[in-house]
């Protein structure tokens, strides 16, 4: 469901890579996989990280899709939080789970920021 949100940042990152870099790698004798690994992947990493964040954050909070696809037997964090506020009427536990999820998302965002600084635009 979130694939279009991931495709756009990756496409933009791939589109901004100059074709001259690929031609230079080919002229220097790099095979296609080597030029992908050493030229395309590092230059497209900001788009890949952005796509991962754009997809990860709403997926963590999604509780409708797992309930429809997996049925009542599947337990995902979003459905567990929703059931704590709804059926179980255990608001403190639901709030604690929500804070834990927010902390996990914060950690992922901080790691992505560090990776963005490391793999920032090289062109």
PDB file of N, CA and C in Angstrom:
ATOM      1  N   UNK A   1       0.810  -1.190   0.000  1.00  0.00           N
ATOM      2  CA  UNK A   1       0.000   0.000   0.000  1.00  0.00           C
ATOM      3  C   UNK A   1       0.858   1.261   0.000  1.00  0.00           C
ATOM      4  N   UNK A   2       2.065   1.139   0.510  1.00  0.00           N
ATOM      5  CA  UNK A   2       2.931   2.309   0.610  1.00  0.00           C
ATOM      6  C   UNK A   2       4.027   2.329  -0.453  1.00  0.00           C
ATOM      7  N   UNK A   3       3.985   1.425  -1.420  1.00  0.00           N
ATOM      8  CA  UNK A   3       5.013   1.362  -2.457  1.00  0.00           C
ATOM      9  C   UNK A   3       5.124   2.655  -3.271  1.00  0.00           C
ATOM     10  N   UNK A   4       4.027   3.313  -3.659  1.00  0.00           N
ATOM     11  CA  UNK A   4       4.194   4.567  -4.401  1.00  0.00           C
ATOM     12  C   UNK A   4       4.937   5.640  -3.610  1.00  0.00           C
ATOM     13  N   UNK A   5       4.772   5.628  -2.292  1.00  0.00           N
ATOM     14  CA  UNK A   5       5.492   6.605  -1.478  1.00  0.00           C
ATOM     15  C   UNK A   5       6.983   6.305  -1.448  1.00  0.00           C
ATOM     16  N   UNK A   6       7.364   5.065  -1.652  1.00  0.00           N
ATOM     17  CA  UNK A   6       8.777   4.698  -1.667  1.00  0.00           C
ATOM     18  C   UNK A   6       9.399   4.905  -3.041  1.00  0.00           C
ATOM     19  N   UNK A   7       8.612   4.717  -4.079  1.00  0.00           N
ATOM     20  CA  UNK A   7       9.158   4.794  -5.432  1.00  0.00           C
ATOM     21  C   UNK A   7       9.562   6.215  -5.793  1.00  0.00           C
ATOM     22  N   UNK A   8       8.789   7.193  -5.401  1.00  0.00           N
ATOM     23  CA  UNK A   8       9.069   8.570  -5.809  1.00  0.00           C
ATOM     24  C   UNK A   8      10.411   9.093  -5.297  1.00  0.00           C
ATOM     25  N   UNK A   9      10.761   8.990  -4.003  1.00  0.00           N
ATOM     26  CA  UNK A   9      12.077   9.485  -3.582  1.00  0.00           C
ATOM     27  C   UNK A   9      13.236   8.721  -4.217  1.00  0.00           C
ATOM     28  N   UNK A  10      13.056   7.420  -4.425  1.00  0.00           N
ATOM     29  CA  UNK A  10      14.127   6.645  -5.060  1.00  0.00           C
ATOM     30  C   UNK A  10      14.282   7.057  -6.518  1.00  0.00           C
ATOM     31  N   UNK A  11      13.173   7.280  -7.207  1.00  0.00           N
ATOM     32  CA  UNK A  11      13.238   7.711  -8.598  1.00  0.00           C
ATOM     33  C   UNK A  11      13.926   9.068  -8.725  1.00  0.00           C
ATOM     34  N   UNK A  12      13.582   9.980  -7.848  1.00  0.00           N
ATOM     35  CA  UNK A  12      14.201  11.313  -7.896  1.00  0.00           C
ATOM     36  C   UNK A  12      15.698  11.209  -7.628  1.00  0.00           C
ATOM     37  N   UNK A  13      16.091  10.375  -6.656  1.00  0.00           N
ATOM     38  CA  UNK A  13      17.513  10.216  -6.354  1.00  0.00           C
ATOM     39  C   UNK A  13      18.259   9.588  -7.529  1.00  0.00           C
ATOM     40  N   UNK A  14      17.648   8.617  -8.181  1.00  0.00           N
ATOM     41  CA  UNK A  14      18.297   7.989  -9.335  1.00  0.00           C
ATOM     42  C   UNK A  14      18.351   8.930 -10.530  1.00  0.00           C
ATOM     43  N   UNK A  15      17.347   9.774 -10.669  1.00  0.00           N
ATOM     44  CA  UNK A  15      17.301  10.696 -11.798  1.00  0.00           C
ATOM     45  C   UNK A  15      18.345  11.803 -11.684  1.00  0.00           C
ATOM     46  N   UNK A  16      18.759  12.122 -10.463  1.00  0.00           N
ATOM     47  CA  UNK A  16      19.731  13.204 -10.282  1.00  0.00           C
ATOM     48  C   UNK A  16      21.176  12.748 -10.450  1.00  0.00           C
ATOM     49  N   UNK A  17      21.412  11.457 -10.598  1.00  0.00           N
ATOM     50  CA  UNK A  17      22.784  10.973 -10.805  1.00  0.00           C
ATOM     51  C   UNK A  17      23.198  11.305 -12.235  1.00  0.00           C
ATOM     52  N   UNK A  18      24.289  12.038 -12.398  1.00  0.00           N
ATOM     53  CA  UNK A  18      24.728  12.382 -13.755  1.00  0.00           C
ATOM     54  C   UNK A  18      25.122  11.134 -14.549  1.00  0.00           C
ATOM     55  N   UNK A  19      24.715  11.086 -15.786  1.00  0.00           N
ATOM     56  CA  UNK A  19      25.058   9.948 -16.643  1.00  0.00           C
ATOM     57  C   UNK A  19      26.558   9.890 -16.895  1.00  0.00           C
ATOM     58  N   UNK A  20      27.233  11.027 -16.774  1.00  0.00           N
ATOM     59  CA  UNK A  20      28.678  11.047 -17.000  1.00  0.00           C
ATOM     60  C   UNK A  20      29.425  10.209 -15.967  1.00  0.00           C
ATOM     61  N   UNK A  21      28.879  10.084 -14.754  1.00  0.00           N
ATOM     62  CA  UNK A  21      29.521   9.236 -13.750  1.00  0.00           C
ATOM     63  C   UNK A  21      29.477   7.771 -14.170  1.00  0.00           C
ATOM     64  N   UNK A  22      28.354   7.342 -14.710  1.00  0.00           N
ATOM     65  CA  UNK A  22      28.256   5.961 -15.188  1.00  0.00           C
ATOM     66  C   UNK A  22      29.142   5.723 -16.405  1.00  0.00           C
ATOM     67  N   UNK A  23      29.209   6.711 -17.290  1.00  0.00           N
ATOM     68  CA  UNK A  23      30.084   6.589 -18.450  1.00  0.00           C
ATOM     69  C   UNK A  23      31.542   6.546 -18.024  1.00  0.00           C
ATOM     70  N   UNK A  24      31.908   7.354 -17.032  1.00  0.00           N
ATOM     71  CA  UNK A  24      33.284   7.353 -16.542  1.00  0.00           C
ATOM     72  C   UNK A  24      33.632   6.010 -15.910  1.00  0.00           C
ATOM     73  N   UNK A  25      32.717   5.450 -15.156  1.00  0.00           N
ATOM     74  CA  UNK A  25      32.969   4.140 -14.553  1.00  0.00           C
ATOM     75  C   UNK A  25      33.133   3.077 -15.633  1.00  0.00           C
ATOM     76  N   UNK A  26      32.320   3.153 -16.662  1.00  0.00           N
ATOM     77  CA  UNK A  26      32.429   2.195 -17.759  1.00  0.00           C
ATOM     78  C   UNK A  26      33.737   2.375 -18.518  1.00  0.00           C
ATOM     79  N   UNK A  27      34.127   3.625 -18.757  1.00  0.00           N
ATOM     80  CA  UNK A  27      35.385   3.896 -19.453  1.00  0.00           C
ATOM     81  C   UNK A  27      36.592   3.429 -18.655  1.00  0.00           C
ATOM     82  N   UNK A  28      36.487   3.449 -17.342  1.00  0.00           N
ATOM     83  CA  UNK A  28      37.587   3.010 -16.488  1.00  0.00           C
ATOM     84  C   UNK A  28      37.593   1.500 -16.278  1.00  0.00           C
ATOM     85  N   UNK A  29      36.680   0.798 -16.921  1.00  0.00           N
ATOM     86  CA  UNK A  29      36.698  -0.655 -16.899  1.00  0.00           C
ATOM     87  C   UNK A  29      35.820  -1.302 -15.850  1.00  0.00           C
ATOM     88  N   UNK A  30      34.943  -0.549 -15.246  1.00  0.00           N
ATOM     89  CA  UNK A  30      34.070  -1.127 -14.225  1.00  0.00           C
ATOM     90  C   UNK A  30      32.951  -1.924 -14.889  1.00  0.00           C
ATOM     91  N   UNK A  31      32.670  -3.077 -14.333  1.00  0.00           N
ATOM     92  CA  UNK A  31      31.549  -3.881 -14.809  1.00  0.00           C
ATOM     93  C   UNK A  31      30.253  -3.249 -14.313  1.00  0.00           C
ATOM     94  N   UNK A  32      29.119  -3.632 -14.888  1.00  0.00           N
ATOM     95  CA  UNK A  32      27.852  -3.001 -14.487  1.00  0.00           C
ATOM     96  C   UNK A  32      27.545  -3.124 -12.996  1.00  0.00           C
ATOM     97  N   UNK A  33      27.793  -4.290 -12.399  1.00  0.00           N
ATOM     98  CA  UNK A  33      27.514  -4.433 -10.970  1.00  0.00           C
ATOM     99  C   UNK A  33      28.449  -3.566 -10.135  1.00  0.00           C
ATOM    100  N   UNK A  34      29.704  -3.461 -10.552  1.00  0.00           N
ATOM    101  CA  UNK A  34      30.658  -2.621  -9.821  1.00  0.00           C
ATOM    102  C   UNK A  34      30.277  -1.156  -9.922  1.00  0.00           C
ATOM    103  N   UNK A  35      29.860  -0.710 -11.102  1.00  0.00           N
ATOM    104  CA  UNK A  35      29.440   0.691 -11.228  1.00  0.00           C
ATOM    105  C   UNK A  35      28.162   0.950 -10.433  1.00  0.00           C
ATOM    106  N   UNK A  36      27.276  -0.043 -10.349  1.00  0.00           N
ATOM    107  CA  UNK A  36      26.087   0.126  -9.511  1.00  0.00           C
ATOM    108  C   UNK A  36      26.485   0.251  -8.047  1.00  0.00           C
ATOM    109  N   UNK A  37      27.380  -0.640  -7.611  1.00  0.00           N
ATOM    110  CA  UNK A  37      27.763  -0.671  -6.195  1.00  0.00           C
ATOM    111  C   UNK A  37      28.589   0.549  -5.794  1.00  0.00           C
ATOM    112  N   UNK A  38      29.412   1.055  -6.686  1.00  0.00           N
ATOM    113  CA  UNK A  38      30.321   2.146  -6.321  1.00  0.00           C
ATOM    114  C   UNK A  38      29.851   3.524  -6.763  1.00  0.00           C
ATOM    115  N   UNK A  39      28.917   3.588  -7.704  1.00  0.00           N
ATOM    116  CA  UNK A  39      28.465   4.894  -8.202  1.00  0.00           C
ATOM    117  C   UNK A  39      26.987   5.120  -7.894  1.00  0.00           C
ATOM    118  N   UNK A  40      26.141   4.219  -8.345  1.00  0.00           N
ATOM    119  CA  UNK A  40      24.698   4.435  -8.247  1.00  0.00           C
ATOM    120  C   UNK A  40      24.215   4.337  -6.806  1.00  0.00           C
ATOM    121  N   UNK A  41      24.586   3.275  -6.112  1.00  0.00           N
ATOM    122  CA  UNK A  41      24.077   3.067  -4.757  1.00  0.00           C
ATOM    123  C   UNK A  41      24.490   4.170  -3.784  1.00  0.00           C
ATOM    124  N   UNK A  42      25.763   4.570  -3.736  1.00  0.00           N
ATOM    125  CA  UNK A  42      26.099   5.665  -2.805  1.00  0.00           C
ATOM    126  C   UNK A  42      25.414   6.992  -3.143  1.00  0.00           C
ATOM    127  N   UNK A  43      25.250   7.272  -4.435  1.00  0.00           N
ATOM    128  CA  UNK A  43      24.615   8.531  -4.814  1.00  0.00           C
ATOM    129  C   UNK A  43      23.101   8.511  -4.641  1.00  0.00           C
ATOM    130  N   UNK A  44      22.509   7.338  -4.633  1.00  0.00           N
ATOM    131  CA  UNK A  44      21.063   7.260  -4.442  1.00  0.00           C
ATOM    132  C   UNK A  44      20.675   6.972  -3.000  1.00  0.00           C
ATOM    133  N   UNK A  45      21.645   6.842  -2.107  1.00  0.00           N
ATOM    134  CA  UNK A  45      21.355   6.494  -0.720  1.00  0.00           C
ATOM    135  C   UNK A  45      20.447   7.509  -0.012  1.00  0.00           C
ATOM    136  N   UNK A  46      20.578   8.823  -0.228  1.00  0.00           N
ATOM    137  CA  UNK A  46      19.614   9.736   0.417  1.00  0.00           C
ATOM    138  C   UNK A  46      18.169   9.458   0.015  1.00  0.00           C
ATOM    139  N   UNK A  47      17.928   9.120  -1.234  1.00  0.00           N
ATOM    140  CA  UNK A  47      16.578   8.783  -1.666  1.00  0.00           C
ATOM    141  C   UNK A  47      16.086   7.475  -1.080  1.00  0.00           C
ATOM    142  N   UNK A  48      16.988   6.511  -0.945  1.00  0.00           N
ATOM    143  CA  UNK A  48      16.615   5.224  -0.351  1.00  0.00           C
ATOM    144  C   UNK A  48      16.270   5.416   1.123  1.00  0.00           C
ATOM    145  N   UNK A  49      17.066   6.219   1.833  1.00  0.00           N
ATOM    146  CA  UNK A  49      16.779   6.490   3.243  1.00  0.00           C
ATOM    147  C   UNK A  49      15.467   7.252   3.407  1.00  0.00           C
ATOM    148  N   UNK A  50      15.229   8.221   2.535  1.00  0.00           N
ATOM    149  CA  UNK A  50      13.968   8.964   2.602  1.00  0.00           C
ATOM    150  C   UNK A  50      12.786   8.040   2.335  1.00  0.00           C
ATOM    151  N   UNK A  51      12.929   7.146   1.376  1.00  0.00           N
ATOM    152  CA  UNK A  51      11.850   6.199   1.083  1.00  0.00           C
ATOM    153  C   UNK A  51      11.603   5.272   2.262  1.00  0.00           C
ATOM    154  N   UNK A  52      12.679   4.830   2.903  1.00  0.00           N
ATOM    155  CA  UNK A  52      12.516   3.945   4.058  1.00  0.00           C
ATOM    156  C   UNK A  52      11.776   4.649   5.185  1.00  0.00           C
ATOM    157  N   UNK A  53      12.109   5.908   5.435  1.00  0.00           N
ATOM    158  CA  UNK A  53      11.421   6.650   6.493  1.00  0.00           C
ATOM    159  C   UNK A  53       9.971   6.937   6.137  1.00  0.00           C
ATOM    160  N   UNK A  54       9.743   7.317   4.889  1.00  0.00           N
ATOM    161  CA  UNK A  54       8.384   7.651   4.468  1.00  0.00           C
ATOM    162  C   UNK A  54       7.474   6.428   4.564  1.00  0.00           C
ATOM    163  N   UNK A  55       8.015   5.245   4.350  1.00  0.00           N
ATOM    164  CA  UNK A  55       7.212   4.026   4.429  1.00  0.00           C
ATOM    165  C   UNK A  55       7.161   3.487   5.857  1.00  0.00           C
ATOM    166  N   UNK A  56       8.265   3.592   6.601  1.00  0.00           N
ATOM    167  CA  UNK A  56       8.334   2.996   7.936  1.00  0.00           C
ATOM    168  C   UNK A  56       7.376   3.662   8.917  1.00  0.00           C
ATOM    169  N   UNK A  57       7.342   4.965   8.941  1.00  0.00           N
ATOM    170  CA  UNK A  57       6.555   5.677   9.954  1.00  0.00           C
ATOM    171  C   UNK A  57       5.061   5.374   9.850  1.00  0.00           C
ATOM    172  N   UNK A  58       4.417   5.474   8.684  1.00  0.00           N
ATOM    173  CA  UNK A  58       2.988   5.131   8.671  1.00  0.00           C
ATOM    174  C   UNK A  58       2.720   3.638   8.840  1.00  0.00           C
ATOM    175  N   UNK A  59       3.671   2.797   8.445  1.00  0.00           N
ATOM    176  CA  UNK A  59       3.466   1.362   8.592  1.00  0.00           C
ATOM    177  C   UNK A  59       3.410   0.953  10.056  1.00  0.00           C
ATOM    178  N   UNK A  60       4.204   1.595  10.893  1.00  0.00           N
ATOM    179  CA  UNK A  60       4.213   1.260  12.318  1.00  0.00           C
ATOM    180  C   UNK A  60       2.858   1.564  12.947  1.00  0.00           C
ATOM    181  N   UNK A  61       2.248   2.653  12.562  1.00  0.00           N
ATOM    182  CA  UNK A  61       0.975   3.039  13.155  1.00  0.00           C
ATOM    183  C   UNK A  61      -0.245   2.442  12.491  1.00  0.00           C
ATOM    184  N   UNK A  62      -0.049   1.691  11.422  1.00  0.00           N
ATOM    185  CA  UNK A  62      -1.190   1.129  10.700  1.00  0.00           C
ATOM    186  C   UNK A  62      -1.778  -0.038  11.475  1.00  0.00           C
ATOM    187  N   UNK A  63      -3.055   0.027  11.742  1.00  0.00           N
ATOM    188  CA  UNK A  63      -3.704  -1.069  12.455  1.00  0.00           C
ATOM    189  C   UNK A  63      -4.888  -1.647  11.686  1.00  0.00           C
ATOM    190  N   UNK A  64      -5.308  -1.008  10.627  1.00  0.00           N
ATOM    191  CA  UNK A  64      -6.449  -1.515   9.869  1.00  0.00           C
ATOM    192  C   UNK A  64      -6.022  -2.646   8.934  1.00  0.00           C
ATOM    193  N   UNK A  65      -4.932  -2.443   8.214  1.00  0.00           N
ATOM    194  CA  UNK A  65      -4.483  -3.449   7.252  1.00  0.00           C
ATOM    195  C   UNK A  65      -4.132  -4.784   7.903  1.00  0.00           C
ATOM    196  N   UNK A  66      -3.333  -4.817   8.997  1.00  0.00           N
ATOM    197  CA  UNK A  66      -3.064  -6.127   9.612  1.00  0.00           C
ATOM    198  C   UNK A  66      -4.322  -6.807  10.139  1.00  0.00           C
ATOM    199  N   UNK A  67      -5.273  -6.028  10.612  1.00  0.00           N
ATOM    200  CA  UNK A  67      -6.511  -6.628  11.114  1.00  0.00           C
ATOM    201  C   UNK A  67      -7.320  -7.244   9.978  1.00  0.00           C
ATOM    202  N   UNK A  68      -7.301  -6.601   8.802  1.00  0.00           N
ATOM    203  CA  UNK A  68      -8.055  -7.127   7.671  1.00  0.00           C
ATOM    204  C   UNK A  68      -7.347  -8.316   7.029  1.00  0.00           C
ATOM    205  N   UNK A  69      -6.035  -8.227   6.899  1.00  0.00           N
ATOM    206  CA  UNK A  69      -5.291  -9.279   6.214  1.00  0.00           C
ATOM    207  C   UNK A  69      -5.057 -10.479   7.127  1.00  0.00           C
ATOM    208  N   UNK A  70      -4.615 -10.214   8.357  1.00  0.00           N
ATOM    209  CA  UNK A  70      -4.263 -11.299   9.255  1.00  0.00           C
ATOM    210  C   UNK A  70      -5.401 -11.825  10.089  1.00  0.00           C
ATOM    211  N   UNK A  71      -6.466 -11.089  10.179  1.00  0.00           N
ATOM    212  CA  UNK A  71      -7.589 -11.510  11.004  1.00  0.00           C
ATOM    213  C   UNK A  71      -7.354 -11.201  12.475  1.00  0.00           C
ATOM    214  N   UNK A  72      -8.223 -11.665  13.331  1.00  0.00           N
ATOM    215  CA  UNK A  72      -8.096 -11.337  14.753  1.00  0.00           C
ATOM    216  C   UNK A  72      -6.940 -12.057  15.444  1.00  0.00           C
ATOM    217  N   UNK A  73      -6.397 -13.100  14.834  1.00  0.00           N
ATOM    218  CA  UNK A  73      -5.318 -13.854  15.478  1.00  0.00           C
ATOM    219  C   UNK A  73      -3.973 -13.142  15.374  1.00  0.00           C
ATOM    220  N   UNK A  74      -3.800 -12.259  14.395  1.00  0.00           N
ATOM    221  CA  UNK A  74      -2.513 -11.581  14.228  1.00  0.00           C
ATOM    222  C   UNK A  74      -2.392 -10.429  15.219  1.00  0.00           C
ATOM    223  N   UNK A  75      -1.213 -10.314  15.803  1.00  0.00           N
ATOM    224  CA  UNK A  75      -0.968  -9.240  16.759  1.00  0.00           C
ATOM    225  C   UNK A  75       0.168  -8.374  16.243  1.00  0.00           C
ATOM    226  N   UNK A  76      -0.159  -7.179  15.826  1.00  0.00           N
ATOM    227  CA  UNK A  76       0.830  -6.184  15.433  1.00  0.00           C
ATOM    228  C   UNK A  76       0.744  -5.063  16.452  1.00  0.00           C
ATOM    229  N   UNK A  77       1.774  -4.232  16.496  1.00  0.00           N
ATOM    230  CA  UNK A  77       1.822  -3.211  17.544  1.00  0.00           C
ATOM    231  C   UNK A  77       0.689  -2.203  17.377  1.00  0.00           C
ATOM    232  N   UNK A  78       0.353  -1.856  16.143  1.00  0.00           N
ATOM    233  CA  UNK A  78      -0.736  -0.903  15.930  1.00  0.00           C
ATOM    234  C   UNK A  78      -2.077  -1.437  16.384  1.00  0.00           C
ATOM    235  N   UNK A  79      -2.341  -2.712  16.077  1.00  0.00           N
ATOM    236  CA  UNK A  79      -3.608  -3.304  16.507  1.00  0.00           C
ATOM    237  C   UNK A  79      -3.644  -3.502  18.011  1.00  0.00           C
ATOM    238  N   UNK A  80      -2.483  -3.790  18.613  1.00  0.00           N
ATOM    239  CA  UNK A  80      -2.434  -3.949  20.066  1.00  0.00           C
ATOM    240  C   UNK A  80      -2.734  -2.629  20.771  1.00  0.00           C
ATOM    241  N   UNK A  81      -2.155  -1.540  20.274  1.00  0.00           N
ATOM    242  CA  UNK A  81      -2.421  -0.227  20.871  1.00  0.00           C
ATOM    243  C   UNK A  81      -3.891   0.143  20.693  1.00  0.00           C
ATOM    244  N   UNK A  82      -4.429  -0.100  19.507  1.00  0.00           N
ATOM    245  CA  UNK A  82      -5.830   0.228  19.254  1.00  0.00           C
ATOM    246  C   UNK A  82      -6.753  -0.584  20.154  1.00  0.00           C
ATOM    247  N   UNK A  83      -6.421  -1.840  20.371  1.00  0.00           N
ATOM    248  CA  UNK A  83      -7.280  -2.657  21.234  1.00  0.00           C
ATOM    249  C   UNK A  83      -7.172  -2.237  22.698  1.00  0.00           C
ATOM    250  N   UNK A  84      -6.031  -1.705  23.117  1.00  0.00           N
ATOM    251  CA  UNK A  84      -5.893  -1.244  24.499  1.00  0.00           C
ATOM    252  C   UNK A  84      -6.762  -0.014  24.748  1.00  0.00           C
ATOM    253  N   UNK A  85      -6.862   0.846  23.763  1.00  0.00           N
ATOM    254  CA  UNK A  85      -7.712   2.024  23.920  1.00  0.00           C
ATOM    255  C   UNK A  85      -9.186   1.704  23.689  1.00  0.00           C
ATOM    256  N   UNK A  86      -9.474   0.633  22.945  1.00  0.00           N
ATOM    257  CA  UNK A  86     -10.855   0.301  22.614  1.00  0.00           C
ATOM    258  C   UNK A  86     -11.435  -0.781  23.488  1.00  0.00           C
ATOM    259  N   UNK A  87     -11.180  -2.021  23.104  1.00  0.00           N
ATOM    260  CA  UNK A  87     -11.818  -3.163  23.764  1.00  0.00           C
ATOM    261  C   UNK A  87     -11.366  -3.344  25.209  1.00  0.00           C
ATOM    262  N   UNK A  88     -10.065  -3.291  25.455  1.00  0.00           N
ATOM    263  CA  UNK A  88      -9.548  -3.583  26.801  1.00  0.00           C
ATOM    264  C   UNK A  88      -9.765  -2.428  27.770  1.00  0.00           C
ATOM    265  N   UNK A  89      -9.925  -1.220  27.245  1.00  0.00           N
ATOM    266  CA  UNK A  89     -10.114  -0.016  28.061  1.00  0.00           C
ATOM    267  C   UNK A  89      -8.983   0.151  29.079  1.00  0.00           C
ATOM    268  N   UNK A  90      -7.763  -0.145  28.626  1.00  0.00           N
ATOM    269  CA  UNK A  90      -6.571  -0.005  29.466  1.00  0.00           C
ATOM    270  C   UNK A  90      -5.733   1.140  28.903  1.00  0.00           C
ATOM    271  N   UNK A  91      -6.158   2.350  29.175  1.00  0.00           N
ATOM    272  CA  UNK A  91      -5.518   3.526  28.614  1.00  0.00           C
ATOM    273  C   UNK A  91      -4.067   3.697  29.058  1.00  0.00           C
ATOM    274  N   UNK A  92      -3.696   3.443  30.309  1.00  0.00           N
ATOM    275  CA  UNK A  92      -2.287   3.604  30.682  1.00  0.00           C
ATOM    276  C   UNK A  92      -1.354   2.670  29.899  1.00  0.00           C
ATOM    277  N   UNK A  93      -1.759   1.416  29.719  1.00  0.00           N
ATOM    278  CA  UNK A  93      -0.926   0.491  28.959  1.00  0.00           C
ATOM    279  C   UNK A  93      -0.864   0.890  27.488  1.00  0.00           C
ATOM    280  N   UNK A  94      -1.976   1.341  26.934  1.00  0.00           N
ATOM    281  CA  UNK A  94      -1.982   1.816  25.555  1.00  0.00           C
ATOM    282  C   UNK A  94      -1.092   3.033  25.368  1.00  0.00           C
ATOM    283  N   UNK A  95      -1.122   3.940  26.355  1.00  0.00           N
ATOM    284  CA  UNK A  95      -0.259   5.119  26.280  1.00  0.00           C
ATOM    285  C   UNK A  95       1.208   4.728  26.395  1.00  0.00           C
ATOM    286  N   UNK A  96       1.518   3.760  27.265  1.00  0.00           N
ATOM    287  CA  UNK A  96       2.903   3.307  27.407  1.00  0.00           C
ATOM    288  C   UNK A  96       3.397   2.651  26.121  1.00  0.00           C
ATOM    289  N   UNK A  97       2.552   1.849  25.503  1.00  0.00           N
ATOM    290  CA  UNK A  97       2.924   1.251  24.221  1.00  0.00           C
ATOM    291  C   UNK A  97       3.138   2.317  23.152  1.00  0.00           C
ATOM    292  N   UNK A  98       2.299   3.340  23.154  1.00  0.00           N
ATOM    293  CA  UNK A  98       2.435   4.419  22.176  1.00  0.00           C
ATOM    294  C   UNK A  98       3.744   5.165  22.365  1.00  0.00           C
ATOM    295  N   UNK A  99       4.120   5.413  23.610  1.00  0.00           N
ATOM    296  CA  UNK A  99       5.393   6.090  23.881  1.00  0.00           C
ATOM    297  C   UNK A  99       6.558   5.213  23.436  1.00  0.00           C
ATOM    298  N   UNK A 100       6.468   3.912  23.670  1.00  0.00           N
ATOM    299  CA  UNK A 100       7.529   3.001  23.222  1.00  0.00           C
ATOM    300  C   UNK A 100       7.665   3.025  21.703  1.00  0.00           C
ATOM    301  N   UNK A 101       6.551   3.040  21.008  1.00  0.00           N
ATOM    302  CA  UNK A 101       6.589   3.100  19.544  1.00  0.00           C
ATOM    303  C   UNK A 101       7.192   4.420  19.085  1.00  0.00           C
ATOM    304  N   UNK A 102       6.827   5.516  19.746  1.00  0.00           N
ATOM    305  CA  UNK A 102       7.403   6.810  19.376  1.00  0.00           C
ATOM    306  C   UNK A 102       8.906   6.830  19.612  1.00  0.00           C
ATOM    307  N   UNK A 103       9.384   6.190  20.678  1.00  0.00           N
ATOM    308  CA  UNK A 103      10.823   6.123  20.936  1.00  0.00           C
ATOM    309  C   UNK A 103      11.541   5.295  19.873  1.00  0.00           C
ATOM    310  N   UNK A 104      10.928   4.209  19.451  1.00  0.00           N
ATOM    311  CA  UNK A 104      11.524   3.408  18.380  1.00  0.00           C
ATOM    312  C   UNK A 104      11.594   4.216  17.092  1.00  0.00           C
ATOM    313  N   UNK A 105      10.530   4.936  16.777  1.00  0.00           N
ATOM    314  CA  UNK A 105      10.528   5.770  15.573  1.00  0.00           C
ATOM    315  C   UNK A 105      11.574   6.867  15.687  1.00  0.00           C
ATOM    316  N   UNK A 106      11.719   7.468  16.870  1.00  0.00           N
ATOM    317  CA  UNK A 106      12.745   8.490  17.074  1.00  0.00           C
ATOM    318  C   UNK A 106      14.136   7.917  16.846  1.00  0.00           C
ATOM    319  N   UNK A 107      14.392   6.718  17.342  1.00  0.00           N
ATOM    320  CA  UNK A 107      15.696   6.082  17.131  1.00  0.00           C
ATOM    321  C   UNK A 107      15.951   5.829  15.649  1.00  0.00           C
ATOM    322  N   UNK A 108      14.937   5.366  14.939  1.00  0.00           N
ATOM    323  CA  UNK A 108      15.092   5.113  13.506  1.00  0.00           C
ATOM    324  C   UNK A 108      15.357   6.414  12.759  1.00  0.00           C
ATOM    325  N   UNK A 109      14.665   7.474  13.123  1.00  0.00           N
ATOM    326  CA  UNK A 109      14.877   8.768  12.468  1.00  0.00           C
ATOM    327  C   UNK A 109      16.282   9.291  12.756  1.00  0.00           C
ATOM    328  N   UNK A 110      16.762   9.139  13.983  1.00  0.00           N
ATOM    329  CA  UNK A 110      18.113   9.594  14.315  1.00  0.00           C
ATOM    330  C   UNK A 110      19.172   8.788  13.566  1.00  0.00           C
ATOM    331  N   UNK A 111      18.972   7.491  13.445  1.00  0.00           N
ATOM    332  CA  UNK A 111      19.904   6.670  12.668  1.00  0.00           C
ATOM    333  C   UNK A 111      19.874   7.089  11.201  1.00  0.00           C
ATOM    334  N   UNK A 112      18.699   7.382  10.682  1.00  0.00           N
ATOM    335  CA  UNK A 112      18.581   7.821   9.291  1.00  0.00           C
ATOM    336  C   UNK A 112      19.249   9.171   9.084  1.00  0.00           C
ATOM    337  N   UNK A 113      19.138  10.063  10.063  1.00  0.00           N
ATOM    338  CA  UNK A 113      19.823  11.361   9.943  1.00  0.00           C
ATOM    339  C   UNK A 113      21.327  11.177   9.925  1.00  0.00           C
ATOM    340  N   UNK A 114      21.827  10.286  10.778  1.00  0.00           N
ATOM    341  CA  UNK A 114      23.260  10.006  10.774  1.00  0.00           C
ATOM    342  C   UNK A 114      23.714   9.388   9.465  1.00  0.00           C
ATOM    343  N   UNK A 115      22.908   8.485   8.928  1.00  0.00           N
ATOM    344  CA  UNK A 115      23.242   7.877   7.643  1.00  0.00           C
ATOM    345  C   UNK A 115      23.153   8.898   6.523  1.00  0.00           C
ATOM    346  N   UNK A 116      22.226   9.837   6.620  1.00  0.00           N
ATOM    347  CA  UNK A 116      22.114  10.880   5.599  1.00  0.00           C
ATOM    348  C   UNK A 116      23.331  11.788   5.618  1.00  0.00           C
ATOM    349  N   UNK A 117      23.835  12.069   6.800  1.00  0.00           N
ATOM    350  CA  UNK A 117      25.064  12.870   6.874  1.00  0.00           C
ATOM    351  C   UNK A 117      26.240  12.117   6.280  1.00  0.00           C
ATOM    352  N   UNK A 118      26.261  10.809   6.510  1.00  0.00           N
ATOM    353  CA  UNK A 118      27.369  10.007   5.995  1.00  0.00           C
ATOM    354  C   UNK A 118      27.259   9.806   4.494  1.00  0.00           C
ATOM    355  N   UNK A 119      26.051   9.490   4.012  1.00  0.00           N
ATOM    356  CA  UNK A 119      25.845   9.204   2.596  1.00  0.00           C
ATOM    357  C   UNK A 119      25.221  10.383   1.869  1.00  0.00           C
ATOM    358  N   UNK A 120      25.418  11.587   2.367  1.00  0.00           N
ATOM    359  CA  UNK A 120      24.806  12.757   1.745  1.00  0.00           C
ATOM    360  C   UNK A 120      25.151  12.863   0.277  1.00  0.00           C
ATOM    361  N   UNK A 121      24.570  13.823  -0.373  1.00  0.00           N
ATOM    362  CA  UNK A 121      24.749  13.978  -1.811  1.00  0.00           C
ATOM    363  C   UNK A 121      26.226  14.096  -2.158  1.00  0.00           C
ATOM    364  N   UNK A 122      26.681  13.247  -3.059  1.00  0.00           N
ATOM    365  CA  UNK A 122      28.095  13.224  -3.438  1.00  0.00           C
ATOM    366  C   UNK A 122      28.314  13.827  -4.812  1.00  0.00           C
ATOM    367  N   UNK A 123      27.279  14.378  -5.402  1.00  0.00           N
ATOM    368  CA  UNK A 123      27.454  14.931  -6.742  1.00  0.00           C
ATOM    369  C   UNK A 123      27.585  16.423  -6.676  1.00  0.00           C
TER     370      UNK A 123
END
